PDB file of N, CA and C in Angstrom:
ATOM      1  N   MET A   1      26.739-109.419 210.462  1.00  0.00           N
ATOM      2  CA  MET A   1      27.965-109.130 210.999  1.00  0.00           C
ATOM      3  C   MET A   1      28.503-108.100 209.796  1.00  0.00           C
ATOM      4  N   ILE A   2      28.494-106.813 210.032  1.00  0.00           N
ATOM      5  CA  ILE A   2      29.040-105.959 209.277  1.00  0.00           C
ATOM      6  C   ILE A   2      30.630-105.685 209.376  1.00  0.00           C
ATOM      7  N   GLN A   3      31.243-105.761 208.245  1.00  0.00           N
ATOM      8  CA  GLN A   3      32.614-105.886 208.105  1.00  0.00           C
ATOM      9  C   GLN A   3      33.167-104.409 207.690  1.00  0.00           C
ATOM     10  N   TYR A   4      34.351-103.811 208.173  1.00  0.00           N
ATOM     11  CA  TYR A   4      34.707-102.601 207.683  1.00  0.00           C
ATOM     12  C   TYR A   4      34.973-102.857 206.263  1.00  0.00           C
ATOM     13  N   GLY A   5      35.495-103.707 205.750  1.00  0.00           N
ATOM     14  CA  GLY A   5      35.885-103.733 204.421  1.00  0.00           C
ATOM     15  C   GLY A   5      34.733-103.672 203.482  1.00  0.00           C
ATOM     16  N   TYR A   6      33.599-104.349 203.912  1.00  0.00           N
ATOM     17  CA  TYR A   6      32.454-104.368 203.020  1.00  0.00           C
ATOM     18  C   TYR A   6      31.932-102.867 202.784  1.00  0.00           C
ATOM     19  N   ILE A   7      31.589-102.052 203.891  1.00  0.00           N
ATOM     20  CA  ILE A   7      31.068-100.761 203.826  1.00  0.00           C
ATOM     21  C   ILE A   7      32.129-100.021 203.105  1.00  0.00           C
ATOM     22  N   SER A   8      33.283-100.110 203.192  1.00  0.00           N
ATOM     23  CA  SER A   8      34.274 -99.398 202.370  1.00  0.00           C
ATOM     24  C   SER A   8      34.086 -99.775 201.140  1.00  0.00           C
ATOM     25  N   GLY A   9      34.056-100.707 200.574  1.00  0.00           N
ATOM     26  CA  GLY A   9      33.882-101.110 199.128  1.00  0.00           C
ATOM     27  C   GLY A   9      32.460-100.697 198.340  1.00  0.00           C
ATOM     28  N   VAL A  10      31.376-100.714 199.256  1.00  0.00           N
ATOM     29  CA  VAL A  10      30.127 -99.994 198.854  1.00  0.00           C
ATOM     30  C   VAL A  10      30.043 -98.432 198.802  1.00  0.00           C
ATOM     31  N   ALA A  11      31.114 -97.724 199.554  1.00  0.00           N
ATOM     32  CA  ALA A  11      31.322 -96.438 199.579  1.00  0.00           C
ATOM     33  C   ALA A  11      32.258 -96.082 198.164  1.00  0.00           C
ATOM     34  N   MET A  12      33.129 -97.042 197.896  1.00  0.00           N
ATOM     35  CA  MET A  12      33.963 -96.654 196.750  1.00  0.00           C
ATOM     36  C   MET A  12      33.199 -96.741 195.407  1.00  0.00           C
ATOM     37  N   VAL A  13      32.180 -97.751 195.577  1.00  0.00           N
ATOM     38  CA  VAL A  13      31.409 -97.936 194.266  1.00  0.00           C
ATOM     39  C   VAL A  13      30.586 -96.902 194.048  1.00  0.00           C
ATOM     40  N   PHE A  14      29.802 -96.553 195.118  1.00  0.00           N
ATOM     41  CA  PHE A  14      29.060 -95.372 195.060  1.00  0.00           C
ATOM     42  C   PHE A  14      29.812 -94.062 194.674  1.00  0.00           C
ATOM     43  N   GLU A  15      30.855 -93.884 195.193  1.00  0.00           N
ATOM     44  CA  GLU A  15      32.020 -92.797 194.864  1.00  0.00           C
ATOM     45  C   GLU A  15      32.199 -92.702 193.389  1.00  0.00           C
ATOM     46  N   ALA A  16      32.514 -94.050 192.743  1.00  0.00           N
ATOM     47  CA  ALA A  16      32.750 -94.314 191.441  1.00  0.00           C
ATOM     48  C   ALA A  16      31.509 -93.916 190.562  1.00  0.00           C
ATOM     49  N   ILE A  17      30.270 -94.148 190.957  1.00  0.00           N
ATOM     50  CA  ILE A  17      29.204 -93.855 190.163  1.00  0.00           C
ATOM     51  C   ILE A  17      28.853 -92.485 190.184  1.00  0.00           C
ATOM     52  N   VAL A  18      28.872 -91.903 191.210  1.00  0.00           N
ATOM     53  CA  VAL A  18      28.691 -90.155 191.182  1.00  0.00           C
ATOM     54  C   VAL A  18      29.899 -89.685 190.270  1.00  0.00           C
ATOM     55  N   PHE A  19      31.049 -90.203 190.411  1.00  0.00           N
ATOM     56  CA  PHE A  19      32.188 -89.407 189.716  1.00  0.00           C
ATOM     57  C   PHE A  19      31.832 -89.833 187.906  1.00  0.00           C
ATOM     58  N   GLY A  20      31.389 -91.011 187.925  1.00  0.00           N
ATOM     59  CA  GLY A  20      31.234 -91.258 186.334  1.00  0.00           C
ATOM     60  C   GLY A  20      29.922 -90.290 185.907  1.00  0.00           C
ATOM     61  N   VAL A  21      29.072 -90.157 186.694  1.00  0.00           N
ATOM     62  CA  VAL A  21      27.844 -89.257 186.353  1.00  0.00           C
ATOM     63  C   VAL A  21      28.380 -87.698 186.028  1.00  0.00           C
ATOM     64  N   ILE A  22      29.269 -87.356 186.812  1.00  0.00           N
ATOM     65  CA  ILE A  22      29.486 -86.116 186.710  1.00  0.00           C
ATOM     66  C   ILE A  22      30.825 -86.055 185.471  1.00  0.00           C
ATOM     67  N   VAL A  23      31.555 -86.999 185.262  1.00  0.00           N
ATOM     68  CA  VAL A  23      32.420 -87.112 183.989  1.00  0.00           C
ATOM     69  C   VAL A  23      31.446 -86.934 182.750  1.00  0.00           C
ATOM     70  N   LEU A  24      30.262 -87.712 182.677  1.00  0.00           N
ATOM     71  CA  LEU A  24      29.521 -87.923 181.482  1.00  0.00           C
ATOM     72  C   LEU A  24      28.564 -86.418 181.301  1.00  0.00           C
ATOM     73  N   ALA A  25      28.383 -85.703 182.576  1.00  0.00           N
ATOM     74  CA  ALA A  25      27.710 -84.483 182.459  1.00  0.00           C
ATOM     75  C   ALA A  25      28.723 -83.514 181.925  1.00  0.00           C
ATOM     76  N   VAL A  26      29.940 -83.347 181.949  1.00  0.00           N
ATOM     77  CA  VAL A  26      30.932 -82.335 181.695  1.00  0.00           C
ATOM     78  C   VAL A  26      31.400 -82.873 180.220  1.00  0.00           C
ATOM     79  N   GLY A  27      31.178 -84.130 179.909  1.00  0.00           N
ATOM     80  CA  GLY A  27      31.548 -84.358 178.345  1.00  0.00           C
ATOM     81  C   GLY A  27      30.436 -84.094 177.629  1.00  0.00           C
ATOM     82  N   TYR A  28      29.148 -84.215 177.888  1.00  0.00           N
ATOM     83  CA  TYR A  28      27.920 -83.598 177.518  1.00  0.00           C
ATOM     84  C   TYR A  28      28.134 -82.390 177.059  1.00  0.00           C
ATOM     85  N   TRP A  29      28.139 -81.447 178.221  1.00  0.00           N
ATOM     86  CA  TRP A  29      28.381 -80.119 178.103  1.00  0.00           C
ATOM     87  C   TRP A  29      29.385 -79.764 177.253  1.00  0.00           C
ATOM     88  N   ALA A  30      30.503 -80.213 177.111  1.00  0.00           N
ATOM     89  CA  ALA A  30      31.650 -79.765 176.176  1.00  0.00           C
ATOM     90  C   ALA A  30      31.379 -80.297 174.927  1.00  0.00           C
ATOM     91  N   THR A  31      30.652 -81.199 174.451  1.00  0.00           N
ATOM     92  CA  THR A  31      30.352 -81.687 173.129  1.00  0.00           C
ATOM     93  C   THR A  31      29.294 -80.662 172.736  1.00  0.00           C
ATOM     94  N   MET A  32      28.323 -80.266 173.423  1.00  0.00           N
ATOM     95  CA  MET A  32      27.308 -79.396 172.919  1.00  0.00           C
ATOM     96  C   MET A  32      28.070 -77.981 172.617  1.00  0.00           C
ATOM     97  N   PHE A  33      28.918 -77.444 173.547  1.00  0.00           N
ATOM     98  CA  PHE A  33      29.581 -76.435 173.533  1.00  0.00           C
ATOM     99  C   PHE A  33      30.349 -76.138 172.080  1.00  0.00           C
ATOM    100  N   LEU A  34      31.186 -77.074 171.887  1.00  0.00           N
ATOM    101  CA  LEU A  34      31.822 -77.478 170.618  1.00  0.00           C
ATOM    102  C   LEU A  34      31.116 -77.490 169.579  1.00  0.00           C
ATOM    103  N   MET A  35      29.925 -77.955 169.529  1.00  0.00           N
ATOM    104  CA  MET A  35      29.085 -78.030 168.401  1.00  0.00           C
ATOM    105  C   MET A  35      28.316 -76.843 168.185  1.00  0.00           C
ATOM    106  N   GLY A  36      28.404 -75.704 168.892  1.00  0.00           N
ATOM    107  CA  GLY A  36      27.977 -74.573 168.811  1.00  0.00           C
ATOM    108  C   GLY A  36      26.369 -74.449 169.164  1.00  0.00           C
ATOM    109  N   ARG A  37      26.063 -75.312 170.086  1.00  0.00           N
ATOM    110  CA  ARG A  37      24.527 -75.371 170.832  1.00  0.00           C
ATOM    111  C   ARG A  37      25.017 -74.808 172.372  1.00  0.00           C
ATOM    112  N   ARG A  38      25.257 -73.679 172.120  1.00  0.00           N
ATOM    113  CA  ARG A  38      25.383 -72.745 173.390  1.00  0.00           C
ATOM    114  C   ARG A  38      24.452 -72.496 174.178  1.00  0.00           C
ATOM    115  N   ASP A  39      23.006 -72.365 173.468  1.00  0.00           N
ATOM    116  CA  ASP A  39      21.745 -71.988 174.025  1.00  0.00           C
ATOM    117  C   ASP A  39      21.576 -73.308 174.754  1.00  0.00           C
ATOM    118  N   ASP A  40      21.756 -74.422 174.299  1.00  0.00           N
ATOM    119  CA  ASP A  40      21.488 -75.858 175.047  1.00  0.00           C
ATOM    120  C   ASP A  40      22.382 -75.873 176.160  1.00  0.00           C
ATOM    121  N   VAL A  41      23.636 -75.363 176.200  1.00  0.00           N
ATOM    122  CA  VAL A  41      24.412 -75.436 177.217  1.00  0.00           C
ATOM    123  C   VAL A  41      24.083 -74.481 178.373  1.00  0.00           C
ATOM    124  N   LEU A  42      23.723 -73.336 177.929  1.00  0.00           N
ATOM    125  CA  LEU A  42      23.279 -72.392 179.075  1.00  0.00           C
ATOM    126  C   LEU A  42      22.330 -72.543 179.679  1.00  0.00           C
ATOM    127  N   HIS A  43      21.086 -72.922 178.901  1.00  0.00           N
ATOM    128  CA  HIS A  43      19.755 -73.145 179.557  1.00  0.00           C
ATOM    129  C   HIS A  43      19.505 -74.687 179.912  1.00  0.00           C
ATOM    130  N   GLY A  44      20.393 -75.419 179.615  1.00  0.00           N
ATOM    131  CA  GLY A  44      20.068 -76.740 180.042  1.00  0.00           C
ATOM    132  C   GLY A  44      18.792 -77.613 179.320  1.00  0.00           C
ATOM    133  N   LYS A  45      18.236 -77.017 178.407  1.00  0.00           N
ATOM    134  CA  LYS A  45      17.553 -77.504 177.600  1.00  0.00           C
ATOM    135  C   LYS A  45      17.601 -77.182 175.895  1.00  0.00           C
ATOM    136  N   PHE A  46      16.841 -77.978 175.033  1.00  0.00           N
ATOM    137  CA  PHE A  46      16.899 -77.670 173.644  1.00  0.00           C
ATOM    138  C   PHE A  46      16.026 -76.541 173.621  1.00  0.00           C
ATOM    139  N   VAL A  47      16.628 -75.556 172.992  1.00  0.00           N
ATOM    140  CA  VAL A  47      16.081 -74.274 172.361  1.00  0.00           C
ATOM    141  C   VAL A  47      15.623 -74.260 171.173  1.00  0.00           C
ATOM    142  N   GLU A  48      14.137 -74.104 170.932  1.00  0.00           N
ATOM    143  CA  GLU A  48      13.747 -74.059 169.365  1.00  0.00           C
ATOM    144  C   GLU A  48      13.290 -72.898 169.198  1.00  0.00           C
ATOM    145  N   GLU A  49      13.759 -72.407 167.906  1.00  0.00           N
ATOM    146  CA  GLU A  49      13.429 -70.897 167.274  1.00  0.00           C
ATOM    147  C   GLU A  49      11.870 -70.963 167.066  1.00  0.00           C
ATOM    148  N   GLU A  50      11.540 -69.910 167.479  1.00  0.00           N
ATOM    149  CA  GLU A  50      10.004 -69.447 167.119  1.00  0.00           C
ATOM    150  C   GLU A  50       9.848 -69.435 165.833  1.00  0.00           C
ATOM    151  N   PRO A  51       8.737 -70.114 165.042  1.00  0.00           N
ATOM    152  CA  PRO A  51       8.399 -69.964 163.650  1.00  0.00           C
ATOM    153  C   PRO A  51       8.099 -68.873 163.357  1.00  0.00           C
ATOM    154  N   ALA A  52       8.427 -68.287 162.164  1.00  0.00           N
ATOM    155  CA  ALA A  52       8.171 -66.909 161.614  1.00  0.00           C
ATOM    156  C   ALA A  52       6.735 -66.880 161.288  1.00  0.00           C
ATOM    157  N   ALA A  53       6.248 -65.671 161.156  1.00  0.00           N
ATOM    158  CA  ALA A  53       4.815 -65.410 160.911  1.00  0.00           C
ATOM    159  C   ALA A  53       4.488 -66.011 159.422  1.00  0.00           C
ATOM    160  N   GLU A  54       5.463 -65.580 158.442  1.00  0.00           N
ATOM    161  CA  GLU A  54       5.097 -65.940 157.236  1.00  0.00           C
ATOM    162  C   GLU A  54       6.301 -66.733 156.671  1.00  0.00           C
ATOM    163  N   PRO A  55       6.282 -67.924 155.955  1.00  0.00           N
ATOM    164  CA  PRO A  55       7.283 -68.847 155.563  1.00  0.00           C
ATOM    165  C   PRO A  55       7.864 -67.708 154.711  1.00  0.00           C
ATOM    166  N   PRO A  56       9.640 -68.205 154.903  1.00  0.00           N
ATOM    167  CA  PRO A  56      10.292 -67.311 153.873  1.00  0.00           C
ATOM    168  C   PRO A  56       9.901 -67.827 152.344  1.00  0.00           C
ATOM    169  N   ALA A  57      10.179 -66.693 151.596  1.00  0.00           N
ATOM    170  CA  ALA A  57      10.069 -67.038 150.119  1.00  0.00           C
ATOM    171  C   ALA A  57      11.209 -67.942 149.537  1.00  0.00           C
ATOM    172  N   ARG A  58      11.254 -68.823 148.798  1.00  0.00           N
ATOM    173  CA  ARG A  58      12.088 -69.698 148.348  1.00  0.00           C
ATOM    174  C   ARG A  58      12.572 -69.225 146.925  1.00  0.00           C
ATOM    175  N   PHE A  59      13.866 -69.125 146.644  1.00  0.00           N
ATOM    176  CA  PHE A  59      14.402 -68.818 145.384  1.00  0.00           C
ATOM    177  C   PHE A  59      14.457 -69.828 144.625  1.00  0.00           C
ATOM    178  N   MET A  60      13.860 -70.153 143.451  1.00  0.00           N
ATOM    179  CA  MET A  60      13.883 -71.118 142.451  1.00  0.00           C
ATOM    180  C   MET A  60      14.443 -70.491 141.144  1.00  0.00           C
ATOM    181  N   PRO A  61      15.745 -70.712 140.922  1.00  0.00           N
ATOM    182  CA  PRO A  61      16.359 -70.309 139.504  1.00  0.00           C
ATOM    183  C   PRO A  61      15.685 -70.815 138.494  1.00  0.00           C
ATOM    184  N   HIS A  62      15.561 -70.020 137.366  1.00  0.00           N
ATOM    185  CA  HIS A  62      14.883 -70.572 136.059  1.00  0.00           C
ATOM    186  C   HIS A  62      15.941 -71.301 135.403  1.00  0.00           C
ATOM    187  N   VAL A  63      15.455 -72.519 135.273  1.00  0.00           N
ATOM    188  CA  VAL A  63      16.139 -73.674 134.507  1.00  0.00           C
ATOM    189  C   VAL A  63      15.570 -73.791 133.210  1.00  0.00           C
ATOM    190  N   PRO A  64      16.255 -73.568 132.072  1.00  0.00           N
ATOM    191  CA  PRO A  64      15.603 -73.860 130.822  1.00  0.00           C
ATOM    192  C   PRO A  64      15.231 -75.319 130.582  1.00  0.00           C
ATOM    193  N   ARG A  65      14.209 -75.518 129.791  1.00  0.00           N
ATOM    194  CA  ARG A  65      13.941 -77.020 129.664  1.00  0.00           C
ATOM    195  C   ARG A  65      14.797 -77.440 128.533  1.00  0.00           C
ATOM    196  N   ALA A  66      15.097 -78.685 128.650  1.00  0.00           N
ATOM    197  CA  ALA A  66      15.978 -79.380 127.789  1.00  0.00           C
ATOM    198  C   ALA A  66      15.206 -79.844 126.469  1.00  0.00           C
ATOM    199  N   ARG A  67      15.911 -79.489 125.262  1.00  0.00           N
ATOM    200  CA  ARG A  67      15.190 -79.682 124.045  1.00  0.00           C
ATOM    201  C   ARG A  67      15.321 -81.258 123.743  1.00  0.00           C
ATOM    202  N   PRO A  68      14.203 -81.809 123.284  1.00  0.00           N
ATOM    203  CA  PRO A  68      14.475 -83.315 122.852  1.00  0.00           C
ATOM    204  C   PRO A  68      15.294 -83.457 121.925  1.00  0.00           C
ATOM    205  N   ALA A  69      16.180 -84.664 121.958  1.00  0.00           N
ATOM    206  CA  ALA A  69      17.316 -84.836 120.878  1.00  0.00           C
ATOM    207  C   ALA A  69      16.575 -85.292 119.753  1.00  0.00           C
ATOM    208  N   PRO A  70      17.151 -84.608 118.441  1.00  0.00           N
ATOM    209  CA  PRO A  70      16.623 -84.989 117.208  1.00  0.00           C
ATOM    210  C   PRO A  70      16.771 -86.395 116.963  1.00  0.00           C
ATOM    211  N   ALA A  71      15.781 -87.051 116.235  1.00  0.00           N
ATOM    212  CA  ALA A  71      15.434 -88.340 116.038  1.00  0.00           C
ATOM    213  C   ALA A  71      16.685 -88.865 115.142  1.00  0.00           C
ATOM    214  N   ALA A  72      17.376 -90.025 115.270  1.00  0.00           N
ATOM    215  CA  ALA A  72      18.411 -90.566 114.586  1.00  0.00           C
ATOM    216  C   ALA A  72      18.146 -90.914 113.254  1.00  0.00           C
ATOM    217  N   PRO A  73      18.611 -90.673 112.155  1.00  0.00           N
ATOM    218  CA  PRO A  73      18.271 -90.915 110.947  1.00  0.00           C
ATOM    219  C   PRO A  73      18.063 -92.643 110.563  1.00  0.00           C
ATOM    220  N   GLN A  74      17.135 -92.840 109.987  1.00  0.00           N
ATOM    221  CA  GLN A  74      16.886 -94.285 109.834  1.00  0.00           C
ATOM    222  C   GLN A  74      17.880 -94.961 109.022  1.00  0.00           C
ATOM    223  N   PRO A  75      18.482 -96.059 109.357  1.00  0.00           N
ATOM    224  CA  PRO A  75      19.473 -96.679 108.336  1.00  0.00           C
ATOM    225  C   PRO A  75      18.926 -97.279 107.229  1.00  0.00           C
ATOM    226  N   ASN A  76      19.786 -97.225 105.956  1.00  0.00           N
ATOM    227  CA  ASN A  76      18.936 -97.691 104.877  1.00  0.00           C
ATOM    228  C   ASN A  76      19.652 -99.245 104.482  1.00  0.00           C
ATOM    229  N   LYS A  77      19.225 -99.672 103.480  1.00  0.00           N
ATOM    230  CA  LYS A  77      19.798-100.978 103.279  1.00  0.00           C
ATOM    231  C   LYS A  77      21.151-101.052 102.933  1.00  0.00           C
ATOM    232  N   ASP A  78      21.922-100.152 102.186  1.00  0.00           N
ATOM    233  CA  ASP A  78      23.073 -99.873 102.033  1.00  0.00           C
ATOM    234  C   ASP A  78      24.194 -99.792 103.177  1.00  0.00           C
ATOM    235  N   SER A  79      23.583 -99.067 104.218  1.00  0.00           N
ATOM    236  CA  SER A  79      24.478 -98.771 105.432  1.00  0.00           C
ATOM    237  C   SER A  79      24.541-100.229 106.246  1.00  0.00           C
ATOM    238  N   LEU A  80      23.164-100.905 106.270  1.00  0.00           N
ATOM    239  CA  LEU A  80      23.276-101.930 107.138  1.00  0.00           C
ATOM    240  C   LEU A  80      24.161-103.070 106.491  1.00  0.00           C
ATOM    241  N   GLN A  81      24.041-103.126 105.155  1.00  0.00           N
ATOM    242  CA  GLN A  81      24.935-104.088 104.323  1.00  0.00           C
ATOM    243  C   GLN A  81      26.380-103.915 104.667  1.00  0.00           C
ATOM    244  N   ALA A  82      26.783-102.748 104.808  1.00  0.00           N
ATOM    245  CA  ALA A  82      28.221-102.358 104.911  1.00  0.00           C
ATOM    246  C   ALA A  82      28.691-102.738 106.366  1.00  0.00           C
ATOM    247  N   LEU A  83      27.677-102.646 107.322  1.00  0.00           N
ATOM    248  CA  LEU A  83      27.901-102.788 108.709  1.00  0.00           C
ATOM    249  C   LEU A  83      28.071-104.205 108.898  1.00  0.00           C
ATOM    250  N   LEU A  84      27.218-105.130 108.236  1.00  0.00           N
ATOM    251  CA  LEU A  84      27.360-106.519 108.421  1.00  0.00           C
ATOM    252  C   LEU A  84      28.570-107.203 107.713  1.00  0.00           C
ATOM    253  N   THR A  85      29.255-106.415 106.667  1.00  0.00           N
ATOM    254  CA  THR A  85      30.278-106.930 105.994  1.00  0.00           C
ATOM    255  C   THR A  85      31.427-106.627 106.946  1.00  0.00           C
ATOM    256  N   VAL A  86      31.549-105.584 107.761  1.00  0.00           N
ATOM    257  CA  VAL A  86      32.576-105.128 108.584  1.00  0.00           C
ATOM    258  C   VAL A  86      32.619-106.125 109.848  1.00  0.00           C
ATOM    259  N   ILE A  87      31.403-106.386 110.262  1.00  0.00           N
ATOM    260  CA  ILE A  87      31.034-107.390 111.425  1.00  0.00           C
ATOM    261  C   ILE A  87      31.808-108.860 110.851  1.00  0.00           C
ATOM    262  N   LYS A  88      31.529-109.232 109.603  1.00  0.00           N
ATOM    263  CA  LYS A  88      31.870-110.513 109.415  1.00  0.00           C
ATOM    264  C   LYS A  88      33.620-110.476 109.041  1.00  0.00           C
ATOM    265  N   ARG A  89      33.981-109.657 108.683  1.00  0.00           N
ATOM    266  CA  ARG A  89      35.504-109.350 108.580  1.00  0.00           C
ATOM    267  C   ARG A  89      36.162-109.584 109.907  1.00  0.00           C
ATOM    268  N   ASP A  90      35.680-108.784 110.876  1.00  0.00           N
ATOM    269  CA  ASP A  90      36.170-108.633 112.264  1.00  0.00           C
ATOM    270  C   ASP A  90      36.009-110.012 112.798  1.00  0.00           C
ATOM    271  N   LEU A  91      35.026-110.788 112.705  1.00  0.00           N
ATOM    272  CA  LEU A  91      34.749-112.145 113.133  1.00  0.00           C
ATOM    273  C   LEU A  91      35.609-113.047 112.515  1.00  0.00           C
ATOM    274  N   HIS A  92      36.053-113.061 111.301  1.00  0.00           N
ATOM    275  CA  HIS A  92      36.853-113.863 110.464  1.00  0.00           C
ATOM    276  C   HIS A  92      38.302-113.624 110.898  1.00  0.00           C
ATOM    277  N   ASP A  93      38.640-112.403 110.987  1.00  0.00           N
ATOM    278  CA  ASP A  93      40.032-112.007 111.496  1.00  0.00           C
ATOM    279  C   ASP A  93      40.263-112.641 113.204  1.00  0.00           C
ATOM    280  N   ALA A  94      39.272-112.344 113.930  1.00  0.00           N
ATOM    281  CA  ALA A  94      39.303-113.029 115.309  1.00  0.00           C
ATOM    282  C   ALA A  94      39.606-114.522 115.309  1.00  0.00           C
ATOM    283  N   ALA A  95      38.783-115.057 114.409  1.00  0.00           N
ATOM    284  CA  ALA A  95      38.891-116.663 114.545  1.00  0.00           C
ATOM    285  C   ALA A  95      40.353-116.831 113.772  1.00  0.00           C
ATOM    286  N   ARG A  96      40.916-116.363 113.094  1.00  0.00           N
ATOM    287  CA  ARG A  96      42.349-116.688 112.689  1.00  0.00           C
ATOM    288  C   ARG A  96      43.418-116.583 113.689  1.00  0.00           C
ATOM    289  N   SER A  97      43.089-115.427 114.558  1.00  0.00           N
ATOM    290  CA  SER A  97      44.198-115.066 115.534  1.00  0.00           C
ATOM    291  C   SER A  97      44.210-116.164 116.683  1.00  0.00           C
TER     292      SER A  97
END
């Protein structure tokens, strides 16, 4: 038993599906057009550029090499002793606070 309401509902769903596909297609077209892929929009396929006969020359600017940093002078006994004295004084002051 086919009822009129059932057929009408199926037709409405089919109509909604067709309308949805059309909306998706227009959205895709608009997106590609706005992104600048006008060749894709016009031809309906992704257009790839033909490769050039010879690869383009790459420009590499001359970058001078970095010079190694000069070695730090080796600390002597007097400078190490002075550093140790300053550290002891700072620790003693911090303990008082």
